[in-house]
N, C-alpha and C. Protein backbone atom coordinates (compact mmCIF):
# COMPACT_ATOMS: atom_id res chain seq x y z
N MET A 1 -96.03 59.80 40.96
CA MET A 1 -94.99 59.14 41.46
C MET A 1 -94.19 58.60 40.48
N LYS A 2 -95.14 57.91 39.31
CA LYS A 2 -94.28 57.60 38.11
C LYS A 2 -93.44 58.86 37.49
N THR A 3 -93.56 60.33 37.56
CA THR A 3 -93.06 61.27 37.24
C THR A 3 -92.03 61.16 38.20
N LEU A 4 -92.17 61.04 39.18
CA LEU A 4 -91.11 60.95 40.36
C LEU A 4 -89.76 60.17 39.95
N LEU A 5 -90.38 58.85 39.82
CA LEU A 5 -89.43 57.96 39.04
C LEU A 5 -88.53 58.06 37.85
N ILE A 6 -89.21 58.77 37.17
CA ILE A 6 -88.42 58.99 35.68
C ILE A 6 -87.38 60.23 35.96
N LEU A 7 -87.94 61.03 36.70
CA LEU A 7 -87.07 62.16 37.19
C LEU A 7 -85.88 61.89 37.75
N ILE A 8 -85.93 61.08 38.63
CA ILE A 8 -84.92 60.23 39.55
C ILE A 8 -84.07 59.98 38.78
N SER A 9 -84.33 59.14 37.98
CA SER A 9 -83.67 58.16 37.02
C SER A 9 -82.52 59.24 35.91
N LEU A 10 -83.59 60.12 35.44
CA LEU A 10 -82.96 61.05 34.73
C LEU A 10 -81.77 61.80 35.20
N ILE A 11 -81.99 62.22 36.42
CA ILE A 11 -80.74 62.92 36.78
C ILE A 11 -79.73 61.73 37.23
N CYS A 12 -79.86 60.74 37.57
CA CYS A 12 -78.75 59.80 37.94
C CYS A 12 -78.14 59.60 36.60
N ALA A 13 -78.83 59.38 35.54
CA ALA A 13 -77.95 58.94 34.38
C ALA A 13 -77.27 60.54 33.93
N LEU A 14 -77.77 61.50 34.13
CA LEU A 14 -77.07 62.84 34.03
C LEU A 14 -75.69 63.18 34.70
N THR A 15 -75.94 62.37 35.66
CA THR A 15 -74.70 62.55 36.89
C THR A 15 -73.82 61.57 37.06
N ALA A 16 -73.84 60.34 36.09
CA ALA A 16 -73.12 59.12 36.08
C ALA A 16 -71.78 59.51 35.43
N PRO A 17 -70.64 59.04 35.94
CA PRO A 17 -69.24 59.40 35.48
C PRO A 17 -69.23 59.15 33.98
N THR A 18 -68.98 59.73 33.55
CA THR A 18 -68.45 60.20 32.13
C THR A 18 -67.22 59.21 31.49
N ASP A 19 -66.60 58.77 32.29
CA ASP A 19 -65.32 58.04 31.88
C ASP A 19 -65.66 56.69 31.92
N ALA A 20 -66.93 56.03 31.63
CA ALA A 20 -66.95 54.50 32.08
C ALA A 20 -66.60 53.76 30.71
N CYS A 21 -66.23 52.56 30.78
CA CYS A 21 -65.78 52.04 29.70
C CYS A 21 -67.23 51.52 28.60
N PHE A 22 -66.78 51.79 27.58
CA PHE A 22 -68.08 51.57 26.68
C PHE A 22 -67.89 50.34 25.96
N GLY A 23 -67.05 49.31 26.16
CA GLY A 23 -66.84 48.05 25.78
C GLY A 23 -65.86 47.16 25.47
N PRO A 24 -65.77 46.39 25.07
CA PRO A 24 -64.13 45.48 25.26
C PRO A 24 -63.28 45.87 24.68
N LYS A 25 -62.18 45.40 25.47
CA LYS A 25 -60.88 45.94 24.95
C LYS A 25 -60.20 44.91 25.25
N LEU A 26 -59.17 44.85 24.10
CA LEU A 26 -58.08 43.85 23.82
C LEU A 26 -56.56 44.39 23.81
N TYR A 27 -55.49 43.85 24.40
CA TYR A 27 -54.17 44.32 24.25
C TYR A 27 -53.24 43.56 23.09
N LEU A 28 -53.03 44.47 22.17
CA LEU A 28 -51.79 43.63 21.04
C LEU A 28 -50.80 44.23 21.16
N GLY A 29 -49.94 42.74 21.49
CA GLY A 29 -48.21 43.35 21.49
C GLY A 29 -47.85 43.42 20.22
N VAL A 30 -47.05 44.93 20.01
CA VAL A 30 -46.24 45.02 18.68
C VAL A 30 -45.14 45.41 19.51
N PRO A 31 -44.07 45.29 18.61
CA PRO A 31 -42.91 46.15 18.20
C PRO A 31 -42.89 47.38 18.47
N SER A 32 -41.84 48.29 18.51
CA SER A 32 -41.51 49.56 18.33
C SER A 32 -41.52 49.67 16.94
N GLY A 33 -41.77 50.76 16.45
CA GLY A 33 -41.54 51.30 15.26
C GLY A 33 -42.41 51.06 13.91
N PRO A 34 -41.88 51.04 12.72
CA PRO A 34 -43.07 50.91 11.75
C PRO A 34 -43.94 49.74 11.37
N ALA A 35 -43.30 48.45 11.82
CA ALA A 35 -44.05 47.26 11.71
C ALA A 35 -45.04 47.47 12.92
N GLY A 36 -44.68 47.47 14.09
CA GLY A 36 -45.67 47.40 15.43
C GLY A 36 -46.97 48.60 14.81
N GLU A 37 -46.68 49.83 14.48
CA GLU A 37 -47.43 50.40 14.39
C GLU A 37 -48.77 50.43 13.02
N LEU A 38 -47.99 49.66 12.48
CA LEU A 38 -48.89 49.07 11.09
C LEU A 38 -49.84 48.17 11.52
N GLN A 39 -49.24 46.96 12.36
CA GLN A 39 -50.32 45.76 12.92
C GLN A 39 -50.92 46.34 13.70
N HIS A 40 -50.61 47.14 14.68
CA HIS A 40 -51.73 47.73 15.30
C HIS A 40 -52.93 48.54 14.46
N ALA A 41 -52.56 49.46 13.62
CA ALA A 41 -53.43 49.84 12.68
C ALA A 41 -54.10 48.73 11.88
N LEU A 42 -53.58 48.19 11.34
CA LEU A 42 -54.53 46.58 10.59
C LEU A 42 -55.44 46.36 11.63
N ILE A 43 -55.22 45.84 13.02
CA ILE A 43 -56.06 44.94 13.88
C ILE A 43 -57.00 45.76 14.21
N SER A 44 -56.79 47.08 14.85
CA SER A 44 -57.39 47.92 15.57
C SER A 44 -58.62 48.46 14.65
N ILE A 45 -58.53 49.12 13.88
CA ILE A 45 -59.43 49.59 12.63
C ILE A 45 -60.28 48.69 12.24
N TYR A 46 -60.13 47.34 12.07
CA TYR A 46 -60.88 46.30 11.06
C TYR A 46 -61.81 45.72 12.70
N LEU A 47 -61.20 45.46 13.98
CA LEU A 47 -61.94 44.79 14.69
C LEU A 47 -62.88 45.81 15.17
N LYS A 48 -62.42 47.28 15.36
CA LYS A 48 -63.17 48.18 15.86
C LYS A 48 -64.41 48.45 14.76
N GLU A 49 -64.28 48.46 13.70
CA GLU A 49 -65.44 48.35 12.66
C GLU A 49 -66.55 47.36 12.74
N LYS A 50 -66.05 46.32 12.60
CA LYS A 50 -66.55 44.79 12.69
C LYS A 50 -66.94 44.44 14.06
N THR A 51 -66.47 45.10 15.26
CA THR A 51 -67.00 44.26 16.23
C THR A 51 -67.22 44.91 17.49
N GLY A 52 -66.93 46.32 17.37
CA GLY A 52 -66.98 47.61 18.14
C GLY A 52 -65.91 47.18 19.54
N THR A 53 -64.92 46.48 19.14
CA THR A 53 -63.99 45.90 20.19
C THR A 53 -63.14 46.92 19.98
N GLU A 54 -62.25 47.81 21.22
CA GLU A 54 -60.90 48.61 21.09
C GLU A 54 -60.09 47.63 21.33
N VAL A 55 -58.96 47.96 20.30
CA VAL A 55 -57.40 47.45 20.41
C VAL A 55 -56.57 48.03 20.80
N ASP A 56 -56.13 47.92 22.12
CA ASP A 56 -55.04 49.03 22.41
C ASP A 56 -53.30 48.25 22.38
N ALA A 57 -52.53 49.37 21.76
CA ALA A 57 -51.06 48.70 21.52
C ALA A 57 -50.40 48.73 22.67
N VAL A 58 -49.78 47.59 22.99
CA VAL A 58 -48.61 47.30 24.01
C VAL A 58 -47.47 47.39 23.70
N ILE A 59 -46.32 47.99 23.59
CA ILE A 59 -44.80 47.67 23.32
C ILE A 59 -44.36 46.78 23.62
N ILE A 60 -43.73 45.81 23.19
CA ILE A 60 -43.22 44.73 23.59
C ILE A 60 -41.59 44.63 23.30
N ASP A 61 -40.92 44.01 24.20
CA ASP A 61 -39.48 43.44 23.63
C ASP A 61 -38.95 42.69 24.24
N GLN A 62 -39.86 41.52 24.00
CA GLN A 62 -39.89 40.29 24.55
C GLN A 62 -40.20 39.11 23.77
N ASP A 63 -40.45 38.06 24.20
CA ASP A 63 -41.30 36.96 23.34
C ASP A 63 -42.48 37.17 23.82
N PRO A 64 -43.47 37.37 22.76
CA PRO A 64 -44.89 37.80 22.99
C PRO A 64 -45.21 36.65 23.86
N ARG A 65 -44.87 35.25 23.32
CA ARG A 65 -45.52 33.94 23.69
C ARG A 65 -45.50 34.17 25.16
N VAL A 66 -44.32 34.80 25.84
CA VAL A 66 -44.73 34.59 27.41
C VAL A 66 -45.66 35.63 27.94
N LEU A 67 -45.52 36.90 27.42
CA LEU A 67 -46.78 37.84 27.42
C LEU A 67 -47.94 37.10 27.72
N ILE A 68 -48.35 36.66 26.45
CA ILE A 68 -49.70 36.00 25.95
C ILE A 68 -50.07 34.87 26.71
N GLY A 69 -48.90 34.12 27.55
CA GLY A 69 -49.16 32.89 28.24
C GLY A 69 -49.45 33.44 29.50
N ASN A 70 -48.59 34.88 30.05
CA ASN A 70 -49.35 35.41 31.33
C ASN A 70 -50.39 36.37 31.44
N GLU A 71 -51.05 36.53 30.45
CA GLU A 71 -52.15 37.22 30.24
C GLU A 71 -52.03 38.68 30.40
N GLN A 72 -50.81 38.91 30.28
CA GLN A 72 -50.18 40.58 30.03
C GLN A 72 -50.73 41.18 28.79
N ILE A 73 -50.76 40.47 27.57
CA ILE A 73 -51.12 40.71 26.41
C ILE A 73 -52.60 39.79 25.73
N ASP A 74 -53.28 40.15 24.91
CA ASP A 74 -54.36 39.12 24.42
C ASP A 74 -53.83 38.42 22.80
N PHE A 75 -52.86 39.32 22.24
CA PHE A 75 -52.30 38.54 20.98
C PHE A 75 -51.65 39.38 20.61
N ALA A 76 -50.37 39.02 19.83
CA ALA A 76 -49.15 39.44 19.15
C ALA A 76 -48.90 38.96 17.54
N PHE A 77 -48.25 39.49 16.86
CA PHE A 77 -47.75 38.84 15.64
C PHE A 77 -46.22 38.31 16.21
N VAL A 78 -45.95 36.88 15.85
CA VAL A 78 -45.11 35.98 16.10
C VAL A 78 -44.36 35.34 15.08
N THR A 79 -43.33 34.86 14.88
CA THR A 79 -42.71 34.20 13.62
C THR A 79 -43.24 32.61 14.23
N PRO A 80 -43.94 32.10 13.25
CA PRO A 80 -44.82 30.76 13.26
C PRO A 80 -43.64 29.69 14.14
N ARG A 81 -44.21 28.94 14.85
CA ARG A 81 -43.56 27.29 14.98
C ARG A 81 -44.71 26.50 14.87
N GLU A 82 -43.93 25.48 14.78
CA GLU A 82 -45.32 24.17 14.74
C GLU A 82 -46.42 23.98 15.66
N ASN A 83 -47.42 23.63 15.20
CA ASN A 83 -48.66 23.38 16.24
C ASN A 83 -49.22 24.48 17.03
N GLU A 84 -48.76 25.71 16.06
CA GLU A 84 -49.41 27.01 16.44
C GLU A 84 -50.29 27.15 15.57
N THR A 85 -51.86 27.38 16.35
CA THR A 85 -52.90 28.08 15.03
C THR A 85 -52.80 29.60 15.06
N ALA A 86 -52.77 30.05 13.46
CA ALA A 86 -52.29 31.43 13.36
C ALA A 86 -53.70 32.05 13.28
N LEU A 87 -54.30 33.36 13.95
CA LEU A 87 -55.54 33.66 13.35
C LEU A 87 -55.31 34.59 12.50
N LEU A 88 -54.18 34.94 11.67
CA LEU A 88 -54.00 35.61 10.97
C LEU A 88 -52.45 35.64 10.27
N VAL A 89 -52.25 35.53 9.16
CA VAL A 89 -50.81 35.56 8.44
C VAL A 89 -50.90 37.16 7.67
N LEU A 90 -49.62 37.89 8.07
CA LEU A 90 -49.03 38.97 7.13
C LEU A 90 -47.78 38.96 6.37
N SER A 91 -46.89 38.01 7.09
CA SER A 91 -45.86 37.52 6.48
C SER A 91 -45.23 36.32 6.66
N ALA A 92 -44.34 35.75 6.28
CA ALA A 92 -43.80 34.58 6.60
C ALA A 92 -43.09 34.50 8.37
N ASP A 93 -42.73 35.69 8.78
CA ASP A 93 -42.58 35.73 10.22
C ASP A 93 -43.08 36.79 11.13
N ALA A 94 -44.75 37.01 10.55
CA ALA A 94 -45.68 37.71 11.40
C ALA A 94 -47.05 37.29 11.10
N VAL A 95 -47.06 36.09 11.98
CA VAL A 95 -48.53 35.56 12.21
C VAL A 95 -49.18 35.96 13.61
N LEU A 96 -50.54 36.07 13.77
CA LEU A 96 -51.15 36.53 14.98
C LEU A 96 -51.53 35.51 15.64
N LEU A 97 -51.11 35.13 17.07
CA LEU A 97 -51.34 34.28 17.65
C LEU A 97 -52.31 35.08 19.04
N ALA A 98 -53.03 34.44 19.66
CA ALA A 98 -53.90 34.83 20.46
C ALA A 98 -53.89 33.96 21.91
N GLY A 99 -54.06 34.62 22.72
CA GLY A 99 -54.31 34.06 24.28
C GLY A 99 -55.57 33.48 24.76
N LYS A 100 -56.01 33.20 25.90
CA LYS A 100 -57.04 32.86 26.25
C LYS A 100 -58.11 33.23 26.11
N ARG A 101 -58.21 34.61 26.67
CA ARG A 101 -59.21 35.81 26.51
C ARG A 101 -59.99 36.01 25.14
N ILE A 102 -59.13 35.95 24.38
CA ILE A 102 -59.56 36.12 23.15
C ILE A 102 -60.77 34.64 22.67
N LEU A 103 -59.82 33.43 22.85
CA LEU A 103 -60.55 32.33 22.88
C LEU A 103 -61.55 31.69 23.25
N ALA A 104 -61.67 32.04 24.80
CA ALA A 104 -62.18 31.55 25.35
C ALA A 104 -63.45 32.90 26.26
N THR A 105 -63.29 33.76 26.12
CA THR A 105 -64.66 34.91 26.78
C THR A 105 -65.55 35.01 25.71
N LEU A 106 -66.73 34.91 26.40
CA LEU A 106 -67.65 34.90 25.83
C LEU A 106 -68.05 36.66 24.57
N GLN A 107 -67.50 37.58 25.63
CA GLN A 107 -67.38 38.69 25.23
C GLN A 107 -66.57 39.10 23.74
N PHE A 108 -65.78 38.21 23.20
CA PHE A 108 -65.10 38.42 22.18
C PHE A 108 -65.37 37.44 21.13
N THR A 109 -66.84 36.43 21.21
CA THR A 109 -67.04 35.76 20.59
C THR A 109 -66.82 36.11 19.05
N THR A 110 -67.36 37.51 18.73
CA THR A 110 -67.25 37.77 17.29
C THR A 110 -65.71 38.09 16.93
N THR A 111 -64.79 38.19 17.64
CA THR A 111 -62.97 38.39 17.35
C THR A 111 -62.77 37.56 16.41
N ILE A 112 -62.75 36.24 16.45
CA ILE A 112 -62.26 34.98 15.70
C ILE A 112 -62.90 35.38 14.32
N PRO A 113 -63.91 35.32 14.30
CA PRO A 113 -64.85 35.39 12.68
C PRO A 113 -64.28 36.37 12.14
N ALA A 114 -64.02 37.52 12.92
CA ALA A 114 -63.63 38.96 11.99
C ALA A 114 -62.26 38.89 11.72
N LEU A 115 -61.45 38.38 12.50
CA LEU A 115 -60.13 37.88 12.33
C LEU A 115 -59.96 36.67 10.97
N ALA A 116 -60.77 35.76 11.11
CA ALA A 116 -60.83 35.09 9.82
C ALA A 116 -60.98 35.59 8.95
N LYS A 117 -62.14 36.70 8.66
CA LYS A 117 -62.24 37.10 7.67
C LYS A 117 -61.27 38.11 6.97
N LEU A 118 -60.63 38.83 7.68
CA LEU A 118 -59.55 39.67 7.44
C LEU A 118 -58.18 39.05 7.38
N GLY A 119 -58.39 37.62 7.52
CA GLY A 119 -57.33 36.77 7.23
C GLY A 119 -57.21 36.22 5.81
N GLN A 120 -58.43 36.21 5.05
CA GLN A 120 -59.10 35.45 3.95
C GLN A 120 -58.34 36.72 2.64
N GLN A 121 -58.82 38.07 3.46
CA GLN A 121 -59.14 39.09 2.29
C GLN A 121 -57.67 39.64 2.35
N LEU A 122 -56.89 39.65 3.43
CA LEU A 122 -55.53 40.77 3.69
C LEU A 122 -54.27 39.67 3.62
N GLN A 123 -53.83 40.42 2.03
CA GLN A 123 -52.57 39.18 1.80
C GLN A 123 -51.20 39.51 1.99
N PRO A 124 -50.26 38.53 2.14
CA PRO A 124 -49.12 39.42 2.35
C PRO A 124 -48.77 40.45 1.37
N GLN A 125 -48.89 40.27 0.57
CA GLN A 125 -48.47 41.31 -0.58
C GLN A 125 -48.85 43.05 -0.11
N HIS A 126 -50.04 43.06 0.27
CA HIS A 126 -50.76 44.34 0.90
C HIS A 126 -50.03 44.85 1.72
N TYR A 127 -49.51 43.47 2.82
CA TYR A 127 -49.02 44.08 4.03
C TYR A 127 -47.96 44.69 3.57
N ALA A 128 -46.86 44.05 2.60
CA ALA A 128 -45.52 44.28 2.58
C ALA A 128 -45.49 45.79 1.85
N GLN A 129 -46.76 46.18 0.77
CA GLN A 129 -47.01 47.28 0.21
C GLN A 129 -47.16 48.74 1.53
N LEU A 130 -48.16 48.40 2.18
CA LEU A 130 -48.28 49.30 3.34
C LEU A 130 -47.29 49.24 3.92
N LEU A 131 -46.46 48.56 4.72
CA LEU A 131 -45.37 48.33 5.47
C LEU A 131 -44.25 49.38 5.10
N GLU A 132 -44.61 49.51 3.56
CA GLU A 132 -43.24 50.14 2.67
C GLU A 132 -43.84 51.79 2.90
N GLN A 133 -44.83 52.06 2.69
CA GLN A 133 -45.47 53.27 2.65
C GLN A 133 -44.98 53.78 4.21
N VAL A 134 -45.66 53.03 5.30
CA VAL A 134 -45.33 53.31 6.49
C VAL A 134 -43.97 53.78 6.95
N ARG A 135 -43.42 52.84 6.31
CA ARG A 135 -41.46 53.37 6.51
C ARG A 135 -41.28 54.55 5.69
N GLN A 136 -41.95 55.31 4.71
CA GLN A 136 -41.55 56.14 4.11
C GLN A 136 -42.62 57.38 4.54
N GLY A 137 -43.07 57.38 5.88
CA GLY A 137 -43.76 58.12 6.61
C GLY A 137 -45.14 58.71 6.21
N ALA A 138 -45.89 57.36 5.84
CA ALA A 138 -47.34 57.70 5.84
C ALA A 138 -47.94 57.18 7.07
N ALA A 139 -48.73 58.07 7.55
CA ALA A 139 -49.35 57.91 8.97
C ALA A 139 -50.47 56.50 8.98
N PRO A 140 -50.02 55.68 9.74
CA PRO A 140 -50.52 53.84 9.77
C PRO A 140 -52.08 54.25 10.24
N LEU A 141 -52.52 54.99 10.80
CA LEU A 141 -53.96 54.65 10.88
C LEU A 141 -54.85 55.13 9.65
N ALA A 142 -54.19 56.37 9.46
CA ALA A 142 -55.03 56.87 8.24
C ALA A 142 -54.34 56.25 6.71
N LEU A 143 -53.62 55.69 6.83
CA LEU A 143 -53.37 54.60 5.33
C LEU A 143 -54.42 53.32 5.46
N VAL A 144 -54.16 52.85 6.76
CA VAL A 144 -54.96 51.44 6.72
C VAL A 144 -56.76 51.89 6.96
N ARG A 145 -56.98 52.70 7.29
CA ARG A 145 -58.38 52.82 7.33
C ARG A 145 -58.71 53.39 5.58
N GLN A 146 -57.77 53.95 5.09
CA GLN A 146 -58.00 54.28 3.47
C GLN A 146 -58.00 52.94 2.65
N PHE A 147 -57.11 52.24 2.75
CA PHE A 147 -56.87 51.15 2.34
C PHE A 147 -58.07 50.15 2.38
N TYR A 148 -58.63 50.02 3.94
CA TYR A 148 -59.89 49.26 4.34
C TYR A 148 -60.82 49.83 3.35
N PHE A 149 -61.32 51.11 3.15
CA PHE A 149 -62.49 51.82 2.72
C PHE A 149 -62.27 51.44 1.06
N ASP A 150 -60.95 51.73 0.50
CA ASP A 150 -60.86 51.49 -0.76
C ASP A 150 -60.90 50.00 -1.33
N GLN A 151 -60.87 49.20 -0.35
CA GLN A 151 -61.22 47.41 -0.57
C GLN A 151 -62.48 46.98 -0.57
N GLY A 152 -63.49 48.10 0.32
CA GLY A 152 -64.82 47.75 0.53
C GLY A 152 -64.78 46.78 1.71
N TRP A 153 -63.58 46.98 2.50
CA TRP A 153 -63.95 45.86 3.82
C TRP A 153 -64.30 46.54 4.90
N ILE A 154 -64.44 47.84 4.95
CA ILE A 154 -65.04 48.47 5.97
C ILE A 154 -66.18 49.69 5.40
């Protein structure tokens, strides 16, 4: 009987759908173009390596605060305003603002500490240098992965 149960369990496992969700996913609002591609690469690679969380880019062409408030995206880089808490600062006009899902969902409890650590390491001059390389044709994902590896951050 025990062998039969093991056999049935094995068959069920082997015939289960293969497109199941493997982990949590967040949605980062980014502008189209080099800056958005770089922002996505910076966040997605780091969070995947440090927390296992996938980050999908959502190209936006309106105020990210509205989309965050409507829970259409989870976070985005914005020009800072008073009384806003930024998770990460890339430049004077690009600070990471998060929505409720990141801040309040247990599934993402490791996200805030990971972004805080990245914020301590990643400086505006790094962002400026990487952005220039992307504008000159470097592939953002490969560039950022190599940068993080060279820095010893992943």
